C-alpha atoms as a PDB file:
ATOM      1  CA  MET A   1      61.010   4.059 -40.767  1.00  0.00           C
ATOM      2  CA  LYS A   2      59.412   6.838 -39.133  1.00  0.00           C
ATOM      3  CA  ARG A   3      55.905   5.901 -40.188  1.00  0.00           C
ATOM      4  CA  SER A   4      56.490   2.121 -39.657  1.00  0.00           C
ATOM      5  CA  VAL A   5      56.915   2.849 -35.894  1.00  0.00           C
ATOM      6  CA  LEU A   6      53.953   5.436 -35.509  1.00  0.00           C
ATOM      7  CA  PHE A   7      51.655   3.070 -37.240  1.00  0.00           C
ATOM      8  CA  LEU A   8      53.148   0.164 -34.506  1.00  0.00           C
ATOM      9  CA  VAL A   9      52.699   2.620 -31.811  1.00  0.00           C
ATOM     10  CA  LEU A  10      48.999   3.197 -32.754  1.00  0.00           C
ATOM     11  CA  SER A  11      48.221  -0.235 -33.730  1.00  0.00           C
ATOM     12  CA  SER A  12      49.456  -1.213 -30.415  1.00  0.00           C
ATOM     13  CA  ILE A  13      47.397   1.650 -28.472  1.00  0.00           C
ATOM     14  CA  ALA A  14      44.073   0.166 -30.612  1.00  0.00           C
ATOM     15  CA  TYR A  15      44.868  -3.190 -29.780  1.00  0.00           C
ATOM     16  CA  ALA A  16      45.214  -2.076 -25.919  1.00  0.00           C
ATOM     17  CA  GLY A  17      42.023  -0.411 -26.117  1.00  0.00           C
ATOM     18  CA  VAL A  18      40.302  -3.532 -27.497  1.00  0.00           C
ATOM     19  CA  ALA A  19      41.962  -5.585 -25.167  1.00  0.00           C
ATOM     20  CA  HIS A  20      40.749  -3.467 -22.131  1.00  0.00           C
ATOM     21  CA  ALA A  21      36.847  -3.281 -23.658  1.00  0.00           C
ATOM     22  CA  ASP A  22      36.959  -7.087 -23.891  1.00  0.00           C
ATOM     23  CA  ALA A  23      38.294  -7.430 -20.056  1.00  0.00           C
ATOM     24  CA  LEU A  24      35.129  -5.411 -19.043  1.00  0.00           C
ATOM     25  CA  GLU A  25      33.073  -7.479 -21.294  1.00  0.00           C
ATOM     26  CA  ASP A  26      33.947 -10.279 -19.797  1.00  0.00           C
ATOM     27  CA  ALA A  27      34.037  -8.761 -15.971  1.00  0.00           C
ATOM     28  CA  VAL A  28      30.441  -7.845 -16.469  1.00  0.00           C
ATOM     29  CA  VAL A  29      29.520 -11.449 -17.895  1.00  0.00           C
ATOM     30  CA  GLN A  30      31.072 -13.032 -15.109  1.00  0.00           C
ATOM     31  CA  GLN A  31      29.489 -10.643 -12.343  1.00  0.00           C
ATOM     32  CA  ALA A  32      26.105 -11.289 -13.941  1.00  0.00           C
ATOM     33  CA  LYS A  33      26.612 -15.318 -13.705  1.00  0.00           C
ATOM     34  CA  GLN A  34      27.434 -14.825  -9.980  1.00  0.00           C
ATOM     35  CA  GLN A  35      24.699 -12.689  -9.522  1.00  0.00           C
ATOM     36  CA  GLU A  36      22.077 -15.157 -11.134  1.00  0.00           C
ATOM     37  CA  LYS A  37      22.930 -18.578 -12.785  1.00  0.00           C
ATOM     38  CA  GLY A  38      20.821 -19.208 -15.833  1.00  0.00           C
ATOM     39  CA  ALA A  39      20.314 -15.518 -16.957  1.00  0.00           C
ATOM     40  CA  ASN A  40      21.410 -14.801 -20.615  1.00  0.00           C
ATOM     41  CA  GLN A  41      22.353 -11.541 -22.133  1.00  0.00           C
ATOM     42  CA  VAL A  42      19.716  -9.550 -23.956  1.00  0.00           C
ATOM     43  CA  GLY A  43      20.928  -6.934 -26.706  1.00  0.00           C
ATOM     44  CA  GLU A  44      24.558  -5.320 -27.123  1.00  0.00           C
ATOM     45  CA  PHE A  45      26.604  -4.277 -24.703  1.00  0.00           C
ATOM     46  CA  PHE A  46      26.173  -0.395 -23.194  1.00  0.00           C
ATOM     47  CA  LYS A  47      29.517   1.659 -23.386  1.00  0.00           C
ATOM     48  CA  GLY A  48      30.311   4.828 -22.458  1.00  0.00           C
ATOM     49  CA  SER A  49      32.419   7.350 -20.618  1.00  0.00           C
ATOM     50  CA  GLY A  50      30.034  10.475 -20.413  1.00  0.00           C
ATOM     51  CA  LYS A  51      28.904  11.907 -16.633  1.00  0.00           C
ATOM     52  CA  LYS A  52      25.326  10.969 -17.160  1.00  0.00           C
ATOM     53  CA  THR A  53      23.990   8.978 -20.254  1.00  0.00           C
ATOM     54  CA  ASP A  54      20.294   8.208 -20.853  1.00  0.00           C
ATOM     55  CA  TYR A  55      19.122   4.759 -22.811  1.00  0.00           C
ATOM     56  CA  GLN A  56      16.022   3.005 -24.040  1.00  0.00           C
ATOM     57  CA  VAL A  57      15.487  -0.739 -23.024  1.00  0.00           C
ATOM     58  CA  LEU A  58      13.122  -3.026 -23.866  1.00  0.00           C
ATOM     59  CA  LEU A  59      11.702  -5.214 -20.846  1.00  0.00           C
ATOM     60  CA  GLU A  60       9.178  -7.807 -21.306  1.00  0.00           C
ATOM     61  CA  ALA A  61       6.703  -8.974 -18.379  1.00  0.00           C
ATOM     62  CA  GLY A  62       7.430 -11.678 -16.485  1.00  0.00           C
ATOM     63  CA  GLN A  63      11.197 -11.472 -17.059  1.00  0.00           C
ATOM     64  CA  CYS A  64      13.698 -10.474 -14.714  1.00  0.00           C
ATOM     65  CA  TYR A  65      16.870  -8.597 -15.707  1.00  0.00           C
ATOM     66  CA  TRP A  66      20.283  -7.678 -14.267  1.00  0.00           C
ATOM     67  CA  PHE A  67      22.227  -4.399 -15.465  1.00  0.00           C
ATOM     68  CA  SER A  68      25.856  -5.616 -14.703  1.00  0.00           C
ATOM     69  CA  GLY A  69      28.330  -2.932 -15.149  1.00  0.00           C
ATOM     70  CA  ALA A  70      31.830  -2.476 -14.749  1.00  0.00           C
ATOM     71  CA  SER A  71      34.189   0.429 -15.119  1.00  0.00           C
ATOM     72  CA  GLU A  72      37.916   1.597 -15.419  1.00  0.00           C
ATOM     73  CA  GLY A  73      39.178   4.532 -13.838  1.00  0.00           C
ATOM     74  CA  LEU A  74      35.571   5.394 -12.320  1.00  0.00           C
ATOM     75  CA  LYS A  75      35.349   6.811  -8.482  1.00  0.00           C
ATOM     76  CA  LYS A  76      31.790   5.696  -8.611  1.00  0.00           C
ATOM     77  CA  LEU A  77      29.221   4.125 -11.119  1.00  0.00           C
ATOM     78  CA  TYR A  78      25.183   4.581 -10.628  1.00  0.00           C
ATOM     79  CA  MET A  79      22.480   2.897 -12.346  1.00  0.00           C
ATOM     80  CA  TYR A  80      18.765   3.994 -12.800  1.00  0.00           C
ATOM     81  CA  LEU A  81      15.352   2.450 -14.282  1.00  0.00           C
ATOM     82  CA  TRP A  82      12.295   3.943 -14.800  1.00  0.00           C
ATOM     83  CA  PRO A  83       9.230   2.291 -16.189  1.00  0.00           C
ATOM     84  CA  PRO A  84       7.468   3.094 -19.648  1.00  0.00           C
ATOM     85  CA  ASN A  85       5.940   6.339 -20.092  1.00  0.00           C
ATOM     86  CA  SER A  86       7.554   8.022 -17.290  1.00  0.00           C
ATOM     87  CA  ASN A  87       7.924  11.730 -16.469  1.00  0.00           C
ATOM     88  CA  PRO A  88      10.510  13.760 -14.151  1.00  0.00           C
ATOM     89  CA  PHE A  89       8.415  12.973 -11.109  1.00  0.00           C
ATOM     90  CA  THR A  90       7.794   9.398 -11.680  1.00  0.00           C
ATOM     91  CA  MET A  91       9.465   7.159  -8.973  1.00  0.00           C
ATOM     92  CA  ARG A  92      12.387   4.669  -9.841  1.00  0.00           C
ATOM     93  CA  VAL A  93      11.512   1.412 -10.412  1.00  0.00           C
ATOM     94  CA  ALA A  94      15.220   0.337  -9.629  1.00  0.00           C
ATOM     95  CA  ASP A  95      18.526   1.887  -8.490  1.00  0.00           C
ATOM     96  CA  VAL A  96      22.058   1.501  -7.653  1.00  0.00           C
ATOM     97  CA  LYS A  97      24.919   2.957  -6.639  1.00  0.00           C
ATOM     98  CA  THR A  98      28.098   1.181  -6.832  1.00  0.00           C
ATOM     99  CA  ASP A  99      32.010   2.134  -6.533  1.00  0.00           C
ATOM    100  CA  GLY A 100      32.718   1.679  -9.931  1.00  0.00           C
ATOM    101  CA  LYS A 101      31.180  -2.180 -10.584  1.00  0.00           C
ATOM    102  CA  GLY A 102      27.929  -4.191  -9.439  1.00  0.00           C
ATOM    103  CA  THR A 103      24.520  -5.288 -10.986  1.00  0.00           C
ATOM    104  CA  MET A 104      20.533  -3.258 -10.564  1.00  0.00           C
ATOM    105  CA  ALA A 105      18.045  -6.022 -10.712  1.00  0.00           C
ATOM    106  CA  HIS A 106      14.258  -5.569 -11.779  1.00  0.00           C
ATOM    107  CA  CYS A 107      11.502  -7.594 -12.212  1.00  0.00           C
ATOM    108  CA  ALA A 108       8.964  -6.570 -14.839  1.00  0.00           C
ATOM    109  CA  THR A 109       5.472  -6.350 -14.503  1.00  0.00           C
ATOM    110  CA  THR A 110       4.617  -4.624 -17.809  1.00  0.00           C
ATOM    111  CA  SER A 111       6.040  -4.463 -20.891  1.00  0.00           C
ATOM    112  CA  GLY A 112       7.728  -1.588 -22.336  1.00  0.00           C
ATOM    113  CA  MET A 113      10.582   0.625 -22.976  1.00  0.00           C
ATOM    114  CA  PHE A 114      11.817   1.530 -19.817  1.00  0.00           C
ATOM    115  CA  LYS A 115      14.297   4.325 -19.130  1.00  0.00           C
ATOM    116  CA  PHE A 116      18.138   3.518 -18.284  1.00  0.00           C
ATOM    117  CA  GLN A 117      20.152   5.891 -16.712  1.00  0.00           C
ATOM    118  CA  VAL A 118      23.873   5.851 -15.890  1.00  0.00           C
ATOM    119  CA  LYS A 119      25.774   8.340 -14.379  1.00  0.00           C
ATOM    120  CA  ALA A 120      29.707   8.194 -14.008  1.00  0.00           C
ATOM    121  CA  ASP A 121      31.999   9.958 -11.351  1.00  0.00           C
ATOM    122  CA  GLY A 122      35.435  10.460 -12.535  1.00  0.00           C
ATOM    123  CA  SER A 123      37.404   9.803 -15.574  1.00  0.00           C
ATOM    124  CA  GLY A 124      37.006   6.622 -17.611  1.00  0.00           C
ATOM    125  CA  ASN A 125      35.074   4.202 -19.309  1.00  0.00           C
ATOM    126  CA  TYR A 126      31.964   1.394 -18.377  1.00  0.00           C
ATOM    127  CA  VAL A 127      30.573  -1.048 -19.753  1.00  0.00           C
ATOM    128  CA  ILE A 128      27.187  -2.341 -18.703  1.00  0.00           C
ATOM    129  CA  GLY A 129      25.054  -5.336 -20.050  1.00  0.00           C
ATOM    130  CA  VAL A 130      21.488  -6.488 -19.671  1.00  0.00           C
ATOM    131  CA  PHE A 131      20.957 -10.211 -18.506  1.00  0.00           C
ATOM    132  CA  SER A 132      17.274 -11.522 -18.431  1.00  0.00           C
ATOM    133  CA  LYS A 133      15.291 -14.772 -16.775  1.00  0.00           C
ATOM    134  CA  VAL A 134      12.250 -15.797 -16.479  1.00  0.00           C
ATOM    135  CA  ALA A 135      10.781 -14.581 -13.185  1.00  0.00           C
ATOM    136  CA  PRO A 136      10.014 -17.090 -10.944  1.00  0.00           C
ATOM    137  CA  LYS A 137       6.431 -18.114 -10.340  1.00  0.00           C
ATOM    138  CA  GLN A 138       4.756 -16.521  -7.165  1.00  0.00           C
ATOM    139  CA  PRO A 139       2.585 -18.406  -5.013  1.00  0.00           C
ATOM    140  CA  PRO A 140      -0.719 -18.104  -4.792  1.00  0.00           C
ATOM    141  CA  PRO A 141      -2.151 -15.642  -1.930  1.00  0.00           C
ATOM    142  CA  PRO A 142      -3.178 -17.082   1.161  1.00  0.00           C
ATOM    143  CA  PRO A 143      -7.235 -17.447   1.361  1.00  0.00           C
ATOM    144  CA  VAL A 144      -8.507 -14.623   2.879  1.00  0.00           C
ATOM    145  CA  GLU A 145     -10.401 -15.367   6.175  1.00  0.00           C
ATOM    146  CA  VAL A 146     -14.012 -13.953   6.342  1.00  0.00           C
ATOM    147  CA  VAL A 147     -14.842 -12.377   9.813  1.00  0.00           C
ATOM    148  CA  LYS A 148     -18.441 -13.014   9.758  1.00  0.00           C
ATOM    149  CA  GLY A 149     -20.354 -10.774  12.433  1.00  0.00           C
ATOM    150  CA  PRO A 150     -23.188 -11.916  14.639  1.00  0.00           C
ATOM    151  CA  ASP A 151     -26.367 -12.824  13.397  1.00  0.00           C
ATOM    152  CA  LEU A 152     -28.750 -10.420  14.524  1.00  0.00           C
ATOM    153  CA  GLY A 153     -31.673 -10.972  12.721  1.00  0.00           C
ATOM    154  CA  PRO A 154     -33.093 -13.165  14.943  1.00  0.00           C
ATOM    155  CA  LEU A 155     -32.951 -10.523  18.180  1.00  0.00           C
ATOM    156  CA  CYS A 156     -34.941  -8.025  15.653  1.00  0.00           C
ATOM    157  CA  ASP A 157     -37.517 -10.665  15.006  1.00  0.00           C
ATOM    158  CA  LYS A 158     -37.839 -11.881  18.678  1.00  0.00           C
ATOM    159  CA  VAL A 159     -38.661  -7.749  19.756  1.00  0.00           C
ATOM    160  CA  ALA A 160     -40.785  -7.512  16.834  1.00  0.00           C
ATOM    161  CA  SER A 161     -42.669 -10.371  18.042  1.00  0.00           C
ATOM    162  CA  ALA A 162     -43.196  -9.230  21.466  1.00  0.00           C
ATOM    163  CA  ALA A 163     -43.875  -5.550  19.970  1.00  0.00           C
ATOM    164  CA  ALA A 164     -46.605  -6.502  18.084  1.00  0.00           C
ATOM    165  CA  LYS A 165     -47.686  -9.941  17.277  1.00  0.00           C
ATOM    166  CA  GLY A 166     -48.310 -10.923  14.043  1.00  0.00           C
ATOM    167  CA  ALA A 167     -46.245  -8.340  12.661  1.00  0.00           C
ATOM    168  CA  LYS A 168     -44.037  -9.524   9.394  1.00  0.00           C
ATOM    169  CA  ARG A 169     -40.966  -7.900   8.375  1.00  0.00           C
ATOM    170  CA  GLU A 170     -40.925  -5.918   5.151  1.00  0.00           C
ATOM    171  CA  GLY A 171     -37.855  -6.378   2.885  1.00  0.00           C
ATOM    172  CA  GLU A 172     -34.322  -7.341   3.902  1.00  0.00           C
ATOM    173  CA  PHE A 173     -32.432  -6.029   7.373  1.00  0.00           C
ATOM    174  CA  PHE A 174     -30.568  -2.535   7.062  1.00  0.00           C
ATOM    175  CA  ASP A 175     -26.735  -3.296   7.975  1.00  0.00           C
ATOM    176  CA  GLY A 176     -25.140  -0.925  10.126  1.00  0.00           C
ATOM    177  CA  LYS A 177     -21.792  -0.564  11.813  1.00  0.00           C
ATOM    178  CA  GLY A 178     -20.285   2.523  13.947  1.00  0.00           C
ATOM    179  CA  ASN A 179     -18.851   4.114  16.841  1.00  0.00           C
ATOM    180  CA  SER A 180     -20.400   6.849  19.204  1.00  0.00           C
ATOM    181  CA  ILE A 181     -16.600   8.598  18.361  1.00  0.00           C
ATOM    182  CA  GLY A 182     -16.066  10.980  15.060  1.00  0.00           C
ATOM    183  CA  HIS A 183     -18.195  11.163  12.323  1.00  0.00           C
ATOM    184  CA  ASP A 184     -18.967   6.699  11.761  1.00  0.00           C
ATOM    185  CA  ASP A 185     -22.213   7.216  14.330  1.00  0.00           C
ATOM    186  CA  ARG A 186     -25.179   7.366  11.649  1.00  0.00           C
ATOM    187  CA  ILE A 187     -26.377   5.781   8.837  1.00  0.00           C
ATOM    188  CA  ASP A 188     -29.654   6.773   6.737  1.00  0.00           C
ATOM    189  CA  TYR A 189     -32.226   4.467   5.317  1.00  0.00           C
ATOM    190  CA  SER A 190     -35.066   5.317   3.078  1.00  0.00           C
ATOM    191  CA  ILE A 191     -38.396   2.805   3.413  1.00  0.00           C
ATOM    192  CA  GLN A 192     -41.673   2.629   1.453  1.00  0.00           C
ATOM    193  CA  MET A 193     -44.541   3.399   4.083  1.00  0.00           C
ATOM    194  CA  ASP A 194     -48.558   2.682   2.961  1.00  0.00           C
ATOM    195  CA  ALA A 195     -51.384   4.607   4.212  1.00  0.00           C
ATOM    196  CA  GLY A 196     -53.396   2.655   6.489  1.00  0.00           C
ATOM    197  CA  LYS A 197     -50.653   0.457   7.700  1.00  0.00           C
ATOM    198  CA  CYS A 198     -48.669   0.683  10.939  1.00  0.00           C
ATOM    199  CA  TYR A 199     -45.177  -0.209  11.092  1.00  0.00           C
ATOM    200  CA  TRP A 200     -42.303  -0.649  13.731  1.00  0.00           C
ATOM    201  CA  VAL A 201     -39.018   0.300  12.980  1.00  0.00           C
ATOM    202  CA  ILE A 202     -36.623  -1.782  15.234  1.00  0.00           C
ATOM    203  CA  GLY A 203     -32.693  -1.471  15.671  1.00  0.00           C
ATOM    204  CA  CYS A 204     -30.810  -4.490  17.291  1.00  0.00           C
ATOM    205  CA  GLY A 205     -27.619  -4.078  17.981  1.00  0.00           C
ATOM    206  CA  GLU A 206     -24.387  -6.251  19.214  1.00  0.00           C
ATOM    207  CA  PRO A 207     -25.134  -7.011  22.893  1.00  0.00           C
ATOM    208  CA  GLU A 208     -22.390  -5.850  25.720  1.00  0.00           C
ATOM    209  CA  LYS A 209     -20.570  -3.613  22.662  1.00  0.00           C
ATOM    210  CA  VAL A 210     -23.449  -0.996  21.134  1.00  0.00           C
ATOM    211  CA  LYS A 211     -24.338   0.285  24.556  1.00  0.00           C
ATOM    212  CA  SER A 212     -27.125   2.890  23.209  1.00  0.00           C
ATOM    213  CA  LEU A 213     -28.662   3.088  19.568  1.00  0.00           C
ATOM    214  CA  TYR A 214     -30.849   6.014  18.906  1.00  0.00           C
ATOM    215  CA  LEU A 215     -33.476   5.604  15.838  1.00  0.00           C
ATOM    216  CA  TYR A 216     -35.170   8.826  14.397  1.00  0.00           C
ATOM    217  CA  LEU A 217     -38.104   8.701  11.789  1.00  0.00           C
ATOM    218  CA  TRP A 218     -38.728  11.485   9.463  1.00  0.00           C
ATOM    219  CA  GLY A 219     -42.073  11.653   6.580  1.00  0.00           C
ATOM    220  CA  PRO A 220     -42.093  12.377   2.958  1.00  0.00           C
ATOM    221  CA  ASP A 221     -42.132  16.111   3.709  1.00  0.00           C
ATOM    222  CA  ASN A 222     -39.033  15.653   5.377  1.00  0.00           C
ATOM    223  CA  LYS A 223     -40.318  16.387   8.957  1.00  0.00           C
ATOM    224  CA  ARG A 224     -39.290  14.455  11.717  1.00  0.00           C
ATOM    225  CA  ILE A 225     -42.078  12.084  13.026  1.00  0.00           C
ATOM    226  CA  SER A 226     -40.905  10.507  15.863  1.00  0.00           C
ATOM    227  CA  GLU A 227     -37.867   8.982  17.654  1.00  0.00           C
ATOM    228  CA  ALA A 228     -36.616   6.675  20.102  1.00  0.00           C
ATOM    229  CA  LYS A 229     -33.647   7.722  22.125  1.00  0.00           C
ATOM    230  CA  SER A 230     -32.963   5.226  25.465  1.00  0.00           C
ATOM    231  CA  ASP A 231     -29.563   3.592  26.646  1.00  0.00           C
ATOM    232  CA  THR A 232     -30.935   0.167  25.030  1.00  0.00           C
ATOM    233  CA  HIS A 233     -29.257  -1.743  22.027  1.00  0.00           C
ATOM    234  CA  THR A 234     -32.990  -2.771  20.694  1.00  0.00           C
ATOM    235  CA  PRO A 235     -34.913   0.916  19.790  1.00  0.00           C
ATOM    236  CA  MET A 236     -38.075   0.739  18.454  1.00  0.00           C
ATOM    237  CA  ILE A 237     -40.022   3.191  16.707  1.00  0.00           C
ATOM    238  CA  GLY A 238     -43.915   2.750  16.220  1.00  0.00           C
ATOM    239  CA  HIS A 239     -45.462   4.368  13.278  1.00  0.00           C
ATOM    240  CA  CYS A 240     -49.065   4.519  11.498  1.00  0.00           C
ATOM    241  CA  ALA A 241     -48.698   5.766   8.160  1.00  0.00           C
ATOM    242  CA  LYS A 242     -51.730   8.403   6.873  1.00  0.00           C
ATOM    243  CA  GLU A 243     -49.959   8.915   3.875  1.00  0.00           C
ATOM    244  CA  THR A 244     -48.197   6.660   1.067  1.00  0.00           C
ATOM    245  CA  GLY A 245     -44.379   7.732   0.012  1.00  0.00           C
ATOM    246  CA  MET A 246     -40.560   7.458   1.292  1.00  0.00           C
ATOM    247  CA  PHE A 247     -39.831   7.938   4.758  1.00  0.00           C
ATOM    248  CA  LYS A 248     -36.442   8.134   5.864  1.00  0.00           C
ATOM    249  CA  VAL A 249     -35.103   6.256   9.067  1.00  0.00           C
ATOM    250  CA  GLN A 250     -31.639   7.436  10.871  1.00  0.00           C
ATOM    251  CA  ALA A 251     -30.123   5.216  13.022  1.00  0.00           C
ATOM    252  CA  LYS A 252     -27.311   7.104  15.698  1.00  0.00           C
ATOM    253  CA  MET A 253     -24.796   5.080  17.587  1.00  0.00           C
ATOM    254  CA  ASN A 254     -25.078   7.090  20.532  1.00  0.00           C
ATOM    255  CA  SER A 255     -22.882   5.005  22.887  1.00  0.00           C
ATOM    256  CA  GLY A 256     -20.433   1.825  21.971  1.00  0.00           C
ATOM    257  CA  ASN A 257     -19.082   0.277  19.301  1.00  0.00           C
ATOM    258  CA  GLY A 258     -20.210  -2.343  17.032  1.00  0.00           C
ATOM    259  CA  SER A 259     -22.357  -3.787  14.137  1.00  0.00           C
ATOM    260  CA  TYR A 260     -26.128  -3.318  13.910  1.00  0.00           C
ATOM    261  CA  LYS A 261     -28.982  -3.947  11.731  1.00  0.00           C
ATOM    262  CA  VAL A 262     -32.455  -2.001  11.188  1.00  0.00           C
ATOM    263  CA  ALA A 263     -35.610  -3.692   9.929  1.00  0.00           C
ATOM    264  CA  VAL A 264     -39.437  -2.468   9.593  1.00  0.00           C
ATOM    265  CA  TYR A 265     -42.424  -4.739  10.718  1.00  0.00           C
ATOM    266  CA  THR A 266     -45.507  -4.032   9.406  1.00  0.00           C
ATOM    267  CA  LYS A 267     -49.734  -5.230  10.519  1.00  0.00           C
ATOM    268  CA  GLY A 268     -52.899  -3.967   8.776  1.00  0.00           C
ATOM    269  CA  LYS A 269     -54.655  -4.021   5.118  1.00  0.00           C
END
């Protein structure tokens, strides 16, 4: 008789535990449905009662996930998620702190094993389910508006024509942009000069913006040959090369802020 009573008591306790676990699972599912309609459960429930437990969950790129948790007897239920191959210093991709029940969401952009951590405050049990749904398609980014700067090429050509009639531009324009404050005030260029030819190095800054643009010229031996320092946005250096080699030109924004071009024109055999 005593054995029968003990069996009934133990059976009742076991049944109550199962019934209670089922109630938590139902609460988790209902909570997930309320959070995101159409999300389906992935894998089995996570169940525990410890203070801190780490799990590994496989997430796929292009899917959104909801971690739905419910508990009994806990004061707080915390959930955290780290990306694949994370280390102790890696930033979490999602986290939530609840009063015993709640959801945590994350849309994966990479596939792999994520670290999922649960922390419990209090004495009790928790059940957590993971639910997923295809991530919504993102609209394409708006086209980037390209703002073109002023066309300074014609200005350089005009200055060259006035300074040396018949001179022709060699190569492409050198572009520059800077200001007269800080370390963005100068740019160096390398140009090829041939012995027996005369060259005009012309700078053309944005009118009204570039107040004063300086030019400097160094020879192949790295010795300065000439310079143009005046309060103008169209400085010019003239030089007839006595040797062939690579010369260095430097443009320095002395006053102002804006774009400029540097061009090289030549006359001779």
